[in-house]
Amino acid sequence: MSPAFLAGPGDARLVTAPLLQLGWTSPASACGVQLESPCRAAFLARSCGGGWELSVRAKTTARSSWSATFGARAPAEIIAAATTPAAAALAGHSALHSCGSGAPRRILDLADIATASGHGWRSPSGHAVLEIDNDPASAARWVVTVKSAAPERGGWRAVFSHGSPFYVLDAVTEAITSHTPVARNVRELPGKHLTDLSTPTAGGGPLPRCRAPHPRPARPTVRKR
């Protein structure tokens, strides 16, 4: 299904499996999912309500601590776009690092995002909004809002604090704007919003937008005499 940002949560193992492969461990937890990095500088938690939080503590004075939170309806593919490169960088498997100021490079190169007022970008459908705040006094630096973050509408929000590395923001932005379909069980899709999703055909093109199924009319009951 596409776009991914409207496809619902999906399989949580897309988030946790790459971290487990990098040596993250799961301490005992009475509720939700908790994973800790081998260096104990990062922690990933999933609440009983389904929301996710990634917290990364500074390992040196040259780096900043940062965190990212995702609503319960956030797709696993988009969460993994943040958690996987962050874990790889902590493990020393990547030369990526936090650098510069302004907006992530990826969003500046997008051709299919319409510029909104201020430091914000809106998807062509209007369902997703990405906003950046360079004010150090603000707690949030980069905010993604889908469908006004209303869960009953299939919406969600992701908030990245100041200090969030640009390679993470770039990866998340690319995942949000990607046209690559994601796999979903049709029963897990947000039923009220199937008209916003499309499915690929065997030839690679999209099918017409999905339509929510209409209830079948009840068959008349015929009494036997």
N, C-alpha and C. Protein backbone atom coordinates (compact mmCIF):
# COMPACT_ATOMS: atom_id res chain seq x y z
N MET A 1 0.84 -1.18 0.00
CA MET A 1 0.00 0.00 0.00
C MET A 1 0.88 1.24 0.00
N SER A 2 0.39 2.31 -0.58
CA SER A 2 1.08 3.58 -0.54
C SER A 2 0.04 4.71 -0.49
N PRO A 3 0.37 5.84 0.10
CA PRO A 3 1.65 6.16 0.72
C PRO A 3 1.82 5.46 2.07
N ALA A 4 3.08 5.22 2.42
CA ALA A 4 3.36 4.47 3.64
C ALA A 4 2.86 5.18 4.88
N PHE A 5 2.88 6.51 4.88
CA PHE A 5 2.54 7.23 6.11
C PHE A 5 1.06 7.11 6.47
N LEU A 6 0.24 6.57 5.55
CA LEU A 6 -1.18 6.36 5.85
C LEU A 6 -1.55 4.89 6.00
N ALA A 7 -0.56 4.01 5.94
CA ALA A 7 -0.83 2.57 5.89
C ALA A 7 -1.00 1.92 7.25
N GLY A 8 -0.87 2.66 8.33
CA GLY A 8 -1.03 2.06 9.65
C GLY A 8 0.27 1.48 10.19
N PRO A 9 0.27 0.98 11.42
CA PRO A 9 1.50 0.58 12.12
C PRO A 9 2.31 -0.51 11.44
N GLY A 10 1.67 -1.57 10.93
CA GLY A 10 2.42 -2.66 10.31
C GLY A 10 3.09 -3.54 11.34
N ASP A 11 4.17 -4.21 10.93
CA ASP A 11 4.86 -5.22 11.74
C ASP A 11 5.94 -4.57 12.60
N ALA A 12 5.81 -4.63 13.92
CA ALA A 12 6.77 -4.02 14.83
C ALA A 12 8.15 -4.64 14.71
N ARG A 13 8.24 -5.84 14.17
CA ARG A 13 9.55 -6.48 14.03
C ARG A 13 10.43 -5.74 13.03
N LEU A 14 9.85 -4.95 12.15
CA LEU A 14 10.65 -4.13 11.25
C LEU A 14 11.46 -3.10 12.04
N VAL A 15 10.96 -2.74 13.22
CA VAL A 15 11.67 -1.80 14.09
C VAL A 15 12.68 -2.53 14.96
N THR A 16 12.26 -3.62 15.57
CA THR A 16 13.09 -4.26 16.58
C THR A 16 14.17 -5.19 16.02
N ALA A 17 13.88 -5.88 14.92
CA ALA A 17 14.83 -6.89 14.40
C ALA A 17 16.20 -6.30 14.07
N PRO A 18 16.31 -5.16 13.35
CA PRO A 18 17.64 -4.61 13.07
C PRO A 18 18.41 -4.26 14.33
N LEU A 19 17.72 -3.81 15.37
CA LEU A 19 18.40 -3.46 16.61
C LEU A 19 18.91 -4.71 17.33
N LEU A 20 18.10 -5.76 17.33
CA LEU A 20 18.54 -7.01 17.95
C LEU A 20 19.75 -7.58 17.24
N GLN A 21 19.81 -7.41 15.92
CA GLN A 21 20.96 -7.88 15.15
C GLN A 21 22.22 -7.09 15.50
N LEU A 22 22.04 -5.85 15.96
CA LEU A 22 23.18 -5.00 16.34
C LEU A 22 23.51 -5.14 17.83
N GLY A 23 22.92 -6.13 18.48
CA GLY A 23 23.28 -6.43 19.86
C GLY A 23 22.45 -5.76 20.92
N TRP A 24 21.36 -5.09 20.53
CA TRP A 24 20.50 -4.50 21.53
C TRP A 24 19.82 -5.62 22.32
N THR A 25 19.60 -5.37 23.59
CA THR A 25 19.00 -6.38 24.45
C THR A 25 17.67 -5.88 24.99
N SER A 26 16.87 -6.83 25.42
CA SER A 26 15.53 -6.51 25.90
C SER A 26 15.43 -6.83 27.38
N PRO A 27 15.58 -5.82 28.25
CA PRO A 27 15.43 -6.09 29.69
C PRO A 27 13.99 -6.43 30.01
N ALA A 28 13.80 -7.04 31.15
CA ALA A 28 12.45 -7.44 31.55
C ALA A 28 11.55 -6.22 31.64
N SER A 29 10.36 -6.34 31.07
CA SER A 29 9.42 -5.23 31.07
C SER A 29 8.02 -5.76 31.30
N ALA A 30 7.30 -5.08 32.15
CA ALA A 30 5.94 -5.51 32.44
C ALA A 30 4.97 -5.09 31.35
N CYS A 31 5.39 -4.17 30.53
CA CYS A 31 4.47 -3.63 29.54
C CYS A 31 5.25 -3.13 28.34
N GLY A 32 4.75 -3.41 27.14
CA GLY A 32 5.36 -2.88 25.93
C GLY A 32 6.69 -3.53 25.59
N VAL A 33 7.47 -2.85 24.76
CA VAL A 33 8.77 -3.33 24.30
C VAL A 33 9.84 -2.38 24.80
N GLN A 34 10.93 -2.93 25.32
CA GLN A 34 12.05 -2.11 25.74
C GLN A 34 13.33 -2.74 25.21
N LEU A 35 14.14 -1.93 24.54
CA LEU A 35 15.42 -2.38 24.01
C LEU A 35 16.49 -1.38 24.41
N GLU A 36 17.67 -1.90 24.75
CA GLU A 36 18.78 -1.04 25.16
C GLU A 36 20.00 -1.37 24.32
N SER A 37 20.73 -0.33 23.91
CA SER A 37 21.91 -0.52 23.08
C SER A 37 23.04 -1.13 23.90
N PRO A 38 24.00 -1.82 23.24
CA PRO A 38 25.11 -2.44 23.97
C PRO A 38 25.92 -1.41 24.77
N CYS A 39 26.03 -0.17 24.24
CA CYS A 39 26.80 0.85 24.94
C CYS A 39 25.98 1.55 26.02
N ARG A 40 24.71 1.19 26.12
CA ARG A 40 23.79 1.75 27.10
C ARG A 40 23.59 3.26 26.93
N ALA A 41 23.86 3.75 25.74
CA ALA A 41 23.65 5.17 25.46
C ALA A 41 22.29 5.42 24.83
N ALA A 42 21.61 4.36 24.41
CA ALA A 42 20.32 4.53 23.72
C ALA A 42 19.31 3.53 24.25
N PHE A 43 18.07 3.95 24.18
CA PHE A 43 16.98 3.14 24.73
C PHE A 43 15.76 3.32 23.86
N LEU A 44 15.13 2.21 23.49
CA LEU A 44 13.90 2.26 22.70
C LEU A 44 12.78 1.62 23.52
N ALA A 45 11.69 2.34 23.66
CA ALA A 45 10.56 1.83 24.44
C ALA A 45 9.28 1.97 23.64
N ARG A 46 8.42 0.98 23.80
CA ARG A 46 7.08 1.04 23.23
C ARG A 46 6.08 0.90 24.36
N SER A 47 5.20 1.87 24.47
CA SER A 47 4.24 1.86 25.56
C SER A 47 3.12 0.86 25.29
N CYS A 48 2.35 0.59 26.31
CA CYS A 48 1.20 -0.31 26.14
C CYS A 48 0.20 0.28 25.17
N GLY A 49 0.19 1.61 25.03
CA GLY A 49 -0.72 2.25 24.09
C GLY A 49 -0.26 2.20 22.66
N GLY A 50 0.98 1.70 22.44
CA GLY A 50 1.47 1.54 21.08
C GLY A 50 2.45 2.59 20.61
N GLY A 51 2.64 3.67 21.36
CA GLY A 51 3.59 4.70 20.97
C GLY A 51 5.02 4.26 21.19
N TRP A 52 5.95 4.87 20.44
CA TRP A 52 7.37 4.53 20.54
C TRP A 52 8.18 5.75 20.98
N GLU A 53 9.28 5.51 21.70
CA GLU A 53 10.21 6.58 22.06
C GLU A 53 11.64 6.06 21.98
N LEU A 54 12.47 6.80 21.25
CA LEU A 54 13.90 6.52 21.16
C LEU A 54 14.64 7.63 21.88
N SER A 55 15.47 7.26 22.86
CA SER A 55 16.27 8.23 23.61
C SER A 55 17.74 7.88 23.43
N VAL A 56 18.54 8.90 23.07
CA VAL A 56 19.97 8.70 22.86
C VAL A 56 20.73 9.69 23.72
N ARG A 57 21.57 9.18 24.62
CA ARG A 57 22.37 10.04 25.48
C ARG A 57 23.70 10.35 24.80
N ALA A 58 24.20 11.53 25.06
CA ALA A 58 25.47 11.95 24.46
C ALA A 58 26.61 11.08 24.99
N LYS A 59 27.45 10.58 24.07
CA LYS A 59 28.60 9.77 24.47
C LYS A 59 29.83 10.65 24.69
N THR A 60 29.84 11.82 24.04
CA THR A 60 30.95 12.77 24.19
C THR A 60 30.36 14.17 24.33
N THR A 61 31.20 15.10 24.77
CA THR A 61 30.73 16.48 24.93
C THR A 61 30.47 17.14 23.58
N ALA A 62 30.99 16.55 22.50
CA ALA A 62 30.80 17.12 21.16
C ALA A 62 29.44 16.76 20.58
N ARG A 63 28.75 15.85 21.20
CA ARG A 63 27.45 15.41 20.71
C ARG A 63 26.34 15.86 21.66
N SER A 64 25.15 15.90 21.14
CA SER A 64 24.00 16.29 21.94
C SER A 64 23.11 15.08 22.20
N SER A 65 22.52 15.03 23.36
CA SER A 65 21.50 14.03 23.61
C SER A 65 20.26 14.40 22.80
N TRP A 66 19.53 13.39 22.37
CA TRP A 66 18.33 13.68 21.58
C TRP A 66 17.32 12.55 21.75
N SER A 67 16.11 12.82 21.33
CA SER A 67 15.05 11.82 21.45
C SER A 67 14.06 11.99 20.30
N ALA A 68 13.32 10.94 20.05
CA ALA A 68 12.28 10.96 19.03
C ALA A 68 11.10 10.14 19.53
N THR A 69 9.91 10.65 19.36
CA THR A 69 8.71 9.93 19.76
C THR A 69 7.80 9.75 18.56
N PHE A 70 7.07 8.63 18.53
CA PHE A 70 6.17 8.31 17.44
C PHE A 70 4.83 7.88 18.01
N GLY A 71 3.75 8.36 17.41
CA GLY A 71 2.42 7.97 17.84
C GLY A 71 2.12 6.53 17.51
N ALA A 72 1.05 6.00 18.11
CA ALA A 72 0.71 4.59 17.98
C ALA A 72 0.39 4.19 16.56
N ARG A 73 -0.08 5.11 15.72
CA ARG A 73 -0.44 4.79 14.34
C ARG A 73 0.71 4.99 13.36
N ALA A 74 1.89 5.36 13.86
CA ALA A 74 3.04 5.57 12.98
C ALA A 74 3.48 4.26 12.35
N PRO A 75 3.73 4.22 11.03
CA PRO A 75 4.15 2.98 10.37
C PRO A 75 5.53 2.52 10.83
N ALA A 76 5.68 1.21 10.97
CA ALA A 76 6.95 0.63 11.42
C ALA A 76 8.09 1.00 10.49
N GLU A 77 7.81 1.10 9.18
CA GLU A 77 8.87 1.42 8.22
C GLU A 77 9.45 2.81 8.48
N ILE A 78 8.60 3.74 8.89
CA ILE A 78 9.07 5.10 9.14
C ILE A 78 9.80 5.19 10.47
N ILE A 79 9.33 4.45 11.47
CA ILE A 79 10.04 4.41 12.75
C ILE A 79 11.42 3.78 12.56
N ALA A 80 11.46 2.69 11.79
CA ALA A 80 12.74 2.01 11.54
C ALA A 80 13.71 2.91 10.79
N ALA A 81 13.20 3.84 9.98
CA ALA A 81 14.07 4.76 9.27
C ALA A 81 14.85 5.64 10.23
N ALA A 82 14.33 5.81 11.45
CA ALA A 82 15.04 6.57 12.48
C ALA A 82 15.89 5.66 13.35
N THR A 83 15.32 4.56 13.80
CA THR A 83 16.01 3.73 14.79
C THR A 83 17.19 2.94 14.21
N THR A 84 17.03 2.43 12.98
CA THR A 84 18.09 1.59 12.41
C THR A 84 19.39 2.36 12.17
N PRO A 85 19.38 3.52 11.47
CA PRO A 85 20.63 4.24 11.29
C PRO A 85 21.20 4.79 12.59
N ALA A 86 20.33 5.13 13.54
CA ALA A 86 20.83 5.60 14.83
C ALA A 86 21.59 4.49 15.54
N ALA A 87 21.04 3.26 15.49
CA ALA A 87 21.71 2.13 16.13
C ALA A 87 23.01 1.79 15.41
N ALA A 88 23.01 1.87 14.09
CA ALA A 88 24.23 1.57 13.32
C ALA A 88 25.34 2.58 13.63
N ALA A 89 24.96 3.85 13.78
CA ALA A 89 25.95 4.87 14.10
C ALA A 89 26.53 4.65 15.49
N LEU A 90 25.70 4.29 16.44
CA LEU A 90 26.19 4.01 17.79
C LEU A 90 27.14 2.82 17.81
N ALA A 91 26.88 1.85 16.93
CA ALA A 91 27.72 0.65 16.88
C ALA A 91 29.01 0.88 16.10
N GLY A 92 29.16 2.08 15.54
CA GLY A 92 30.36 2.36 14.77
C GLY A 92 30.35 1.79 13.38
N HIS A 93 29.17 1.36 12.90
CA HIS A 93 29.05 0.79 11.57
C HIS A 93 28.77 1.84 10.51
N SER A 94 28.75 3.09 10.92
CA SER A 94 28.42 4.15 9.98
C SER A 94 29.23 5.38 10.32
N ALA A 95 29.63 6.12 9.28
CA ALA A 95 30.38 7.36 9.48
C ALA A 95 29.45 8.56 9.61
N LEU A 96 28.14 8.29 9.65
CA LEU A 96 27.18 9.37 9.74
C LEU A 96 27.30 10.08 11.08
N HIS A 97 27.03 11.36 11.07
CA HIS A 97 27.11 12.12 12.30
C HIS A 97 26.21 13.34 12.21
N SER A 98 25.96 13.95 13.34
CA SER A 98 25.14 15.16 13.38
C SER A 98 25.99 16.33 12.92
N CYS A 99 25.42 17.16 12.04
CA CYS A 99 26.22 18.26 11.52
C CYS A 99 25.31 19.39 11.04
N GLY A 100 25.86 20.60 11.04
CA GLY A 100 25.20 21.73 10.40
C GLY A 100 23.94 22.20 11.07
N SER A 101 23.29 23.15 10.40
CA SER A 101 22.04 23.70 10.88
C SER A 101 21.13 23.92 9.70
N GLY A 102 19.87 24.25 9.98
CA GLY A 102 18.92 24.45 8.90
C GLY A 102 18.04 23.25 8.72
N ALA A 103 17.75 22.89 7.46
CA ALA A 103 16.85 21.77 7.19
C ALA A 103 17.63 20.57 6.67
N PRO A 104 17.13 19.37 6.90
CA PRO A 104 17.78 18.18 6.34
C PRO A 104 17.90 18.27 4.84
N ARG A 105 18.97 17.68 4.32
CA ARG A 105 19.24 17.79 2.88
C ARG A 105 18.13 17.15 2.06
N ARG A 106 17.62 16.03 2.52
CA ARG A 106 16.64 15.29 1.73
C ARG A 106 15.43 16.14 1.38
N ILE A 107 14.89 16.85 2.34
CA ILE A 107 13.66 17.59 2.08
C ILE A 107 13.91 18.76 1.13
N LEU A 108 15.12 19.28 1.12
CA LEU A 108 15.43 20.38 0.22
C LEU A 108 15.48 19.92 -1.23
N ASP A 109 15.65 18.63 -1.44
CA ASP A 109 15.75 18.09 -2.80
C ASP A 109 14.43 17.55 -3.32
N LEU A 110 13.38 17.57 -2.49
CA LEU A 110 12.12 16.97 -2.90
C LEU A 110 11.41 17.81 -3.96
N ALA A 111 10.93 17.12 -4.98
CA ALA A 111 10.19 17.82 -6.02
C ALA A 111 8.69 17.69 -5.84
N ASP A 112 8.26 16.75 -5.00
CA ASP A 112 6.82 16.48 -4.87
C ASP A 112 6.26 16.97 -3.54
N ILE A 113 6.96 17.87 -2.89
CA ILE A 113 6.46 18.46 -1.64
C ILE A 113 6.23 19.94 -1.87
N ALA A 114 5.04 20.40 -1.55
CA ALA A 114 4.72 21.81 -1.70
C ALA A 114 5.15 22.57 -0.45
N THR A 115 5.81 23.72 -0.65
CA THR A 115 6.27 24.50 0.48
C THR A 115 5.09 25.18 1.17
N ALA A 116 5.02 25.01 2.47
CA ALA A 116 3.97 25.66 3.25
C ALA A 116 4.54 26.93 3.87
N SER A 117 3.78 27.59 4.72
CA SER A 117 4.24 28.81 5.33
C SER A 117 5.36 28.51 6.32
N GLY A 118 6.31 29.46 6.45
CA GLY A 118 7.40 29.29 7.38
C GLY A 118 8.30 28.14 7.01
N HIS A 119 8.84 27.46 8.02
CA HIS A 119 9.72 26.32 7.80
C HIS A 119 8.90 25.04 7.81
N GLY A 120 8.03 24.90 6.84
CA GLY A 120 7.17 23.72 6.80
C GLY A 120 6.92 23.26 5.39
N TRP A 121 6.61 21.97 5.28
CA TRP A 121 6.32 21.36 3.98
C TRP A 121 5.08 20.49 4.14
N ARG A 122 4.24 20.52 3.11
CA ARG A 122 2.99 19.77 3.14
C ARG A 122 2.94 18.82 1.95
N SER A 123 2.47 17.59 2.17
CA SER A 123 2.35 16.63 1.08
C SER A 123 1.29 17.10 0.09
N PRO A 124 1.38 16.65 -1.16
CA PRO A 124 0.39 17.07 -2.16
C PRO A 124 -1.05 16.79 -1.75
N SER A 125 -1.26 15.69 -1.01
CA SER A 125 -2.62 15.35 -0.57
C SER A 125 -3.07 16.20 0.61
N GLY A 126 -2.12 16.85 1.26
CA GLY A 126 -2.43 17.64 2.44
C GLY A 126 -2.52 16.84 3.72
N HIS A 127 -2.30 15.52 3.65
CA HIS A 127 -2.46 14.68 4.83
C HIS A 127 -1.23 14.69 5.73
N ALA A 128 -0.06 15.03 5.21
CA ALA A 128 1.17 15.01 6.01
C ALA A 128 1.82 16.39 5.98
N VAL A 129 2.29 16.82 7.15
CA VAL A 129 2.96 18.11 7.28
C VAL A 129 4.26 17.90 8.03
N LEU A 130 5.36 18.46 7.51
CA LEU A 130 6.65 18.39 8.17
C LEU A 130 7.06 19.81 8.51
N GLU A 131 7.43 20.03 9.76
CA GLU A 131 7.79 21.37 10.22
C GLU A 131 9.11 21.34 10.95
N ILE A 132 9.90 22.39 10.76
CA ILE A 132 11.19 22.50 11.42
C ILE A 132 11.21 23.77 12.25
N ASP A 133 11.84 23.69 13.41
CA ASP A 133 11.94 24.83 14.32
C ASP A 133 13.39 24.94 14.78
N ASN A 134 14.07 25.99 14.34
CA ASN A 134 15.47 26.18 14.69
C ASN A 134 15.66 26.98 15.98
N ASP A 135 14.57 27.28 16.67
CA ASP A 135 14.66 28.03 17.92
C ASP A 135 15.14 27.10 19.04
N PRO A 136 16.35 27.34 19.59
CA PRO A 136 16.86 26.45 20.64
C PRO A 136 15.96 26.38 21.86
N ALA A 137 15.13 27.40 22.06
CA ALA A 137 14.23 27.40 23.22
C ALA A 137 13.06 26.45 23.05
N SER A 138 12.84 26.00 21.82
CA SER A 138 11.74 25.07 21.56
C SER A 138 12.18 23.65 21.86
N ALA A 139 11.29 22.88 22.48
CA ALA A 139 11.64 21.50 22.81
C ALA A 139 11.72 20.63 21.57
N ALA A 140 10.87 20.89 20.59
CA ALA A 140 10.82 20.09 19.37
C ALA A 140 11.55 20.80 18.24
N ARG A 141 12.34 20.04 17.50
CA ARG A 141 13.03 20.62 16.36
C ARG A 141 12.36 20.26 15.05
N TRP A 142 11.90 19.01 14.94
CA TRP A 142 11.37 18.50 13.69
C TRP A 142 10.11 17.72 14.01
N VAL A 143 8.99 18.13 13.45
CA VAL A 143 7.70 17.53 13.78
C VAL A 143 7.01 17.06 12.51
N VAL A 144 6.57 15.82 12.52
CA VAL A 144 5.79 15.25 11.43
C VAL A 144 4.38 15.03 11.94
N THR A 145 3.40 15.57 11.25
CA THR A 145 2.01 15.41 11.65
C THR A 145 1.22 14.83 10.49
N VAL A 146 0.54 13.72 10.72
CA VAL A 146 -0.28 13.07 9.69
C VAL A 146 -1.73 13.09 10.15
N LYS A 147 -2.58 13.60 9.29
CA LYS A 147 -4.02 13.68 9.57
C LYS A 147 -4.30 14.28 10.94
N SER A 148 -3.65 15.42 11.19
CA SER A 148 -3.86 16.19 12.43
C SER A 148 -3.57 15.37 13.68
N ALA A 149 -2.81 14.28 13.52
CA ALA A 149 -2.42 13.41 14.64
C ALA A 149 -3.64 12.84 15.36
N ALA A 150 -4.78 12.74 14.67
CA ALA A 150 -5.99 12.19 15.28
C ALA A 150 -6.05 10.69 15.05
N PRO A 151 -5.89 9.85 16.11
CA PRO A 151 -5.88 8.40 15.93
C PRO A 151 -7.15 7.87 15.27
N GLU A 152 -8.30 8.49 15.57
CA GLU A 152 -9.55 8.01 14.98
C GLU A 152 -9.60 8.27 13.48
N ARG A 153 -8.71 9.10 12.98
CA ARG A 153 -8.63 9.36 11.54
C ARG A 153 -7.43 8.63 10.92
N GLY A 154 -6.78 7.78 11.70
CA GLY A 154 -5.58 7.11 11.21
C GLY A 154 -4.36 8.00 11.31
N GLY A 155 -4.46 9.09 12.09
CA GLY A 155 -3.36 10.05 12.17
C GLY A 155 -2.33 9.70 13.23
N TRP A 156 -1.18 10.37 13.15
CA TRP A 156 -0.11 10.17 14.12
C TRP A 156 0.86 11.34 14.05
N ARG A 157 1.73 11.41 15.03
CA ARG A 157 2.73 12.49 15.07
C ARG A 157 4.06 11.92 15.49
N ALA A 158 5.12 12.45 14.91
CA ALA A 158 6.49 12.13 15.32
C ALA A 158 7.18 13.43 15.68
N VAL A 159 7.88 13.44 16.81
CA VAL A 159 8.54 14.65 17.30
C VAL A 159 10.01 14.33 17.56
N PHE A 160 10.89 15.11 16.94
CA PHE A 160 12.33 14.94 17.12
C PHE A 160 12.87 16.16 17.86
N SER A 161 13.63 15.92 18.92
CA SER A 161 14.13 17.01 19.74
C SER A 161 15.33 17.68 19.06
N HIS A 162 15.71 18.83 19.59
CA HIS A 162 16.96 19.45 19.16
C HIS A 162 18.11 18.49 19.46
N GLY A 163 19.08 18.47 18.59
CA GLY A 163 20.17 17.52 18.71
C GLY A 163 19.98 16.28 17.86
N SER A 164 18.77 16.10 17.31
CA SER A 164 18.54 14.94 16.44
C SER A 164 19.44 15.04 15.21
N PRO A 165 20.21 14.01 14.91
CA PRO A 165 21.15 14.08 13.78
C PRO A 165 20.42 14.15 12.45
N PHE A 166 21.01 14.89 11.52
CA PHE A 166 20.37 15.08 10.23
C PHE A 166 20.25 13.79 9.43
N TYR A 167 21.16 12.84 9.64
CA TYR A 167 21.03 11.59 8.88
C TYR A 167 19.76 10.85 9.27
N VAL A 168 19.31 11.02 10.51
CA VAL A 168 18.04 10.42 10.93
C VAL A 168 16.87 11.18 10.32
N LEU A 169 16.91 12.50 10.38
CA LEU A 169 15.83 13.31 9.79
C LEU A 169 15.74 13.08 8.29
N ASP A 170 16.87 12.97 7.63
CA ASP A 170 16.88 12.69 6.18
C ASP A 170 16.22 11.35 5.89
N ALA A 171 16.58 10.32 6.66
CA ALA A 171 16.05 8.98 6.42
C ALA A 171 14.55 8.93 6.67
N VAL A 172 14.09 9.60 7.71
CA VAL A 172 12.66 9.61 8.02
C VAL A 172 11.90 10.36 6.93
N THR A 173 12.45 11.49 6.50
CA THR A 173 11.80 12.27 5.44
C THR A 173 11.70 11.46 4.16
N GLU A 174 12.77 10.74 3.84
CA GLU A 174 12.75 9.91 2.63
C GLU A 174 11.71 8.81 2.74
N ALA A 175 11.58 8.21 3.93
CA ALA A 175 10.59 7.14 4.12
C ALA A 175 9.17 7.68 4.00
N ILE A 176 8.95 8.88 4.49
CA ILE A 176 7.62 9.47 4.44
C ILE A 176 7.23 9.80 3.01
N THR A 177 8.16 10.32 2.24
CA THR A 177 7.85 10.78 0.89
C THR A 177 8.02 9.71 -0.18
N SER A 178 8.52 8.54 0.22
CA SER A 178 8.73 7.47 -0.75
C SER A 178 7.42 6.97 -1.33
N HIS A 179 7.45 6.62 -2.61
CA HIS A 179 6.28 6.04 -3.27
C HIS A 179 6.32 4.51 -3.24
N THR A 180 7.35 3.95 -2.61
CA THR A 180 7.47 2.50 -2.53
C THR A 180 6.36 1.93 -1.66
N PRO A 181 5.58 0.98 -2.17
CA PRO A 181 4.47 0.41 -1.37
C PRO A 181 5.00 -0.37 -0.18
N VAL A 182 4.20 -0.46 0.85
CA VAL A 182 4.53 -1.26 2.03
C VAL A 182 3.49 -2.37 2.15
N ALA A 183 3.92 -3.50 2.72
CA ALA A 183 3.03 -4.65 2.84
C ALA A 183 2.13 -4.50 4.06
N ARG A 184 0.85 -4.77 3.87
CA ARG A 184 -0.10 -4.71 4.96
C ARG A 184 -1.17 -5.78 4.78
N ASN A 185 -1.65 -6.31 5.90
CA ASN A 185 -2.83 -7.14 5.91
C ASN A 185 -4.02 -6.20 5.76
N VAL A 186 -4.88 -6.49 4.80
CA VAL A 186 -5.98 -5.57 4.52
C VAL A 186 -6.84 -5.34 5.76
N ARG A 187 -6.90 -6.32 6.66
CA ARG A 187 -7.71 -6.16 7.87
C ARG A 187 -7.10 -5.18 8.84
N GLU A 188 -5.81 -4.86 8.68
CA GLU A 188 -5.13 -3.94 9.58
C GLU A 188 -5.16 -2.51 9.08
N LEU A 189 -5.66 -2.29 7.87
CA LEU A 189 -5.67 -0.95 7.30
C LEU A 189 -6.74 -0.09 7.97
N PRO A 190 -6.48 1.22 8.07
CA PRO A 190 -7.50 2.11 8.63
C PRO A 190 -8.69 2.19 7.70
N GLY A 191 -9.74 1.42 8.00
CA GLY A 191 -10.87 1.23 7.09
C GLY A 191 -11.52 2.50 6.59
N LYS A 192 -11.61 3.52 7.45
CA LYS A 192 -12.29 4.74 7.05
C LYS A 192 -11.51 5.53 6.00
N HIS A 193 -10.25 5.15 5.77
CA HIS A 193 -9.40 5.96 4.90
C HIS A 193 -8.78 5.16 3.76
N LEU A 194 -9.44 4.07 3.38
CA LEU A 194 -8.93 3.28 2.27
C LEU A 194 -8.90 4.08 0.97
N THR A 195 -9.74 5.09 0.87
CA THR A 195 -9.77 5.90 -0.35
C THR A 195 -8.49 6.71 -0.51
N ASP A 196 -7.69 6.83 0.55
CA ASP A 196 -6.44 7.58 0.47
C ASP A 196 -5.26 6.70 0.07
N LEU A 197 -5.48 5.38 -0.03
CA LEU A 197 -4.39 4.45 -0.31
C LEU A 197 -4.52 3.86 -1.70
N SER A 198 -3.39 3.46 -2.26
CA SER A 198 -3.39 2.76 -3.54
C SER A 198 -2.52 1.53 -3.43
N THR A 199 -2.77 0.55 -4.30
CA THR A 199 -2.00 -0.69 -4.31
C THR A 199 -1.34 -0.84 -5.67
N PRO A 200 -0.13 -1.42 -5.74
CA PRO A 200 0.55 -1.57 -7.02
C PRO A 200 -0.01 -2.74 -7.82
N THR A 201 0.01 -2.62 -9.12
CA THR A 201 -0.37 -3.72 -9.99
C THR A 201 0.85 -4.55 -10.32
N ALA A 202 0.65 -5.67 -11.00
CA ALA A 202 1.77 -6.54 -11.39
C ALA A 202 2.73 -5.79 -12.31
N GLY A 203 2.21 -4.85 -13.09
CA GLY A 203 3.05 -4.09 -14.00
C GLY A 203 3.74 -2.91 -13.34
N GLY A 204 3.47 -2.68 -12.06
CA GLY A 204 4.15 -1.62 -11.34
C GLY A 204 3.33 -0.36 -11.16
N GLY A 205 2.24 -0.21 -11.89
CA GLY A 205 1.44 0.99 -11.76
C GLY A 205 0.41 0.85 -10.66
N PRO A 206 -0.16 1.97 -10.23
CA PRO A 206 -1.13 1.90 -9.15
C PRO A 206 -2.51 1.50 -9.64
N LEU A 207 -3.19 0.75 -8.82
CA LEU A 207 -4.61 0.49 -9.07
C LEU A 207 -5.40 1.73 -8.68
N PRO A 208 -6.64 1.83 -9.09
CA PRO A 208 -7.46 2.92 -8.59
C PRO A 208 -7.50 2.89 -7.08
N ARG A 209 -7.71 4.05 -6.50
CA ARG A 209 -7.75 4.15 -5.05
C ARG A 209 -8.73 3.14 -4.46
N CYS A 210 -8.31 2.52 -3.36
CA CYS A 210 -9.16 1.52 -2.73
C CYS A 210 -10.46 2.16 -2.26
N ARG A 211 -11.48 1.39 -2.27
CA ARG A 211 -12.76 1.87 -1.76
C ARG A 211 -13.15 1.03 -0.55
N ALA A 212 -13.66 1.70 0.44
CA ALA A 212 -14.10 0.96 1.63
C ALA A 212 -15.23 0.04 1.23
N PRO A 213 -15.21 -1.18 1.69
CA PRO A 213 -16.24 -2.14 1.29
C PRO A 213 -17.61 -1.70 1.77
N HIS A 214 -18.60 -1.88 0.89
CA HIS A 214 -19.97 -1.56 1.26
C HIS A 214 -20.63 -2.79 1.85
N PRO A 215 -21.42 -2.62 2.89
CA PRO A 215 -22.08 -3.80 3.47
C PRO A 215 -23.04 -4.42 2.48
N ARG A 216 -23.04 -5.75 2.45
CA ARG A 216 -23.94 -6.44 1.55
C ARG A 216 -25.37 -6.38 2.08
N PRO A 217 -26.33 -6.20 1.18
CA PRO A 217 -27.72 -6.16 1.65
C PRO A 217 -28.13 -7.50 2.22
N ALA A 218 -28.92 -7.45 3.26
CA ALA A 218 -29.38 -8.69 3.88
C ALA A 218 -30.32 -9.43 2.96
N ARG A 219 -30.15 -10.72 2.91
CA ARG A 219 -31.05 -11.53 2.08
C ARG A 219 -32.40 -11.70 2.78
N PRO A 220 -33.47 -11.60 2.00
CA PRO A 220 -34.79 -11.77 2.62
C PRO A 220 -34.96 -13.19 3.15
N THR A 221 -35.59 -13.29 4.27
CA THR A 221 -35.84 -14.60 4.86
C THR A 221 -37.14 -15.18 4.33
N VAL A 222 -37.04 -16.38 3.78
CA VAL A 222 -38.20 -17.04 3.24
C VAL A 222 -38.65 -18.12 4.20
N ARG A 223 -39.86 -17.99 4.69
CA ARG A 223 -40.38 -18.97 5.63
C ARG A 223 -40.97 -20.15 4.91
N LYS A 224 -40.61 -21.31 5.35
CA LYS A 224 -41.15 -22.53 4.73
C LYS A 224 -42.54 -22.82 5.31
N ARG A 225 -43.42 -23.17 4.46
CA ARG A 225 -44.79 -23.52 4.88
C ARG A 225 -44.94 -25.04 5.03
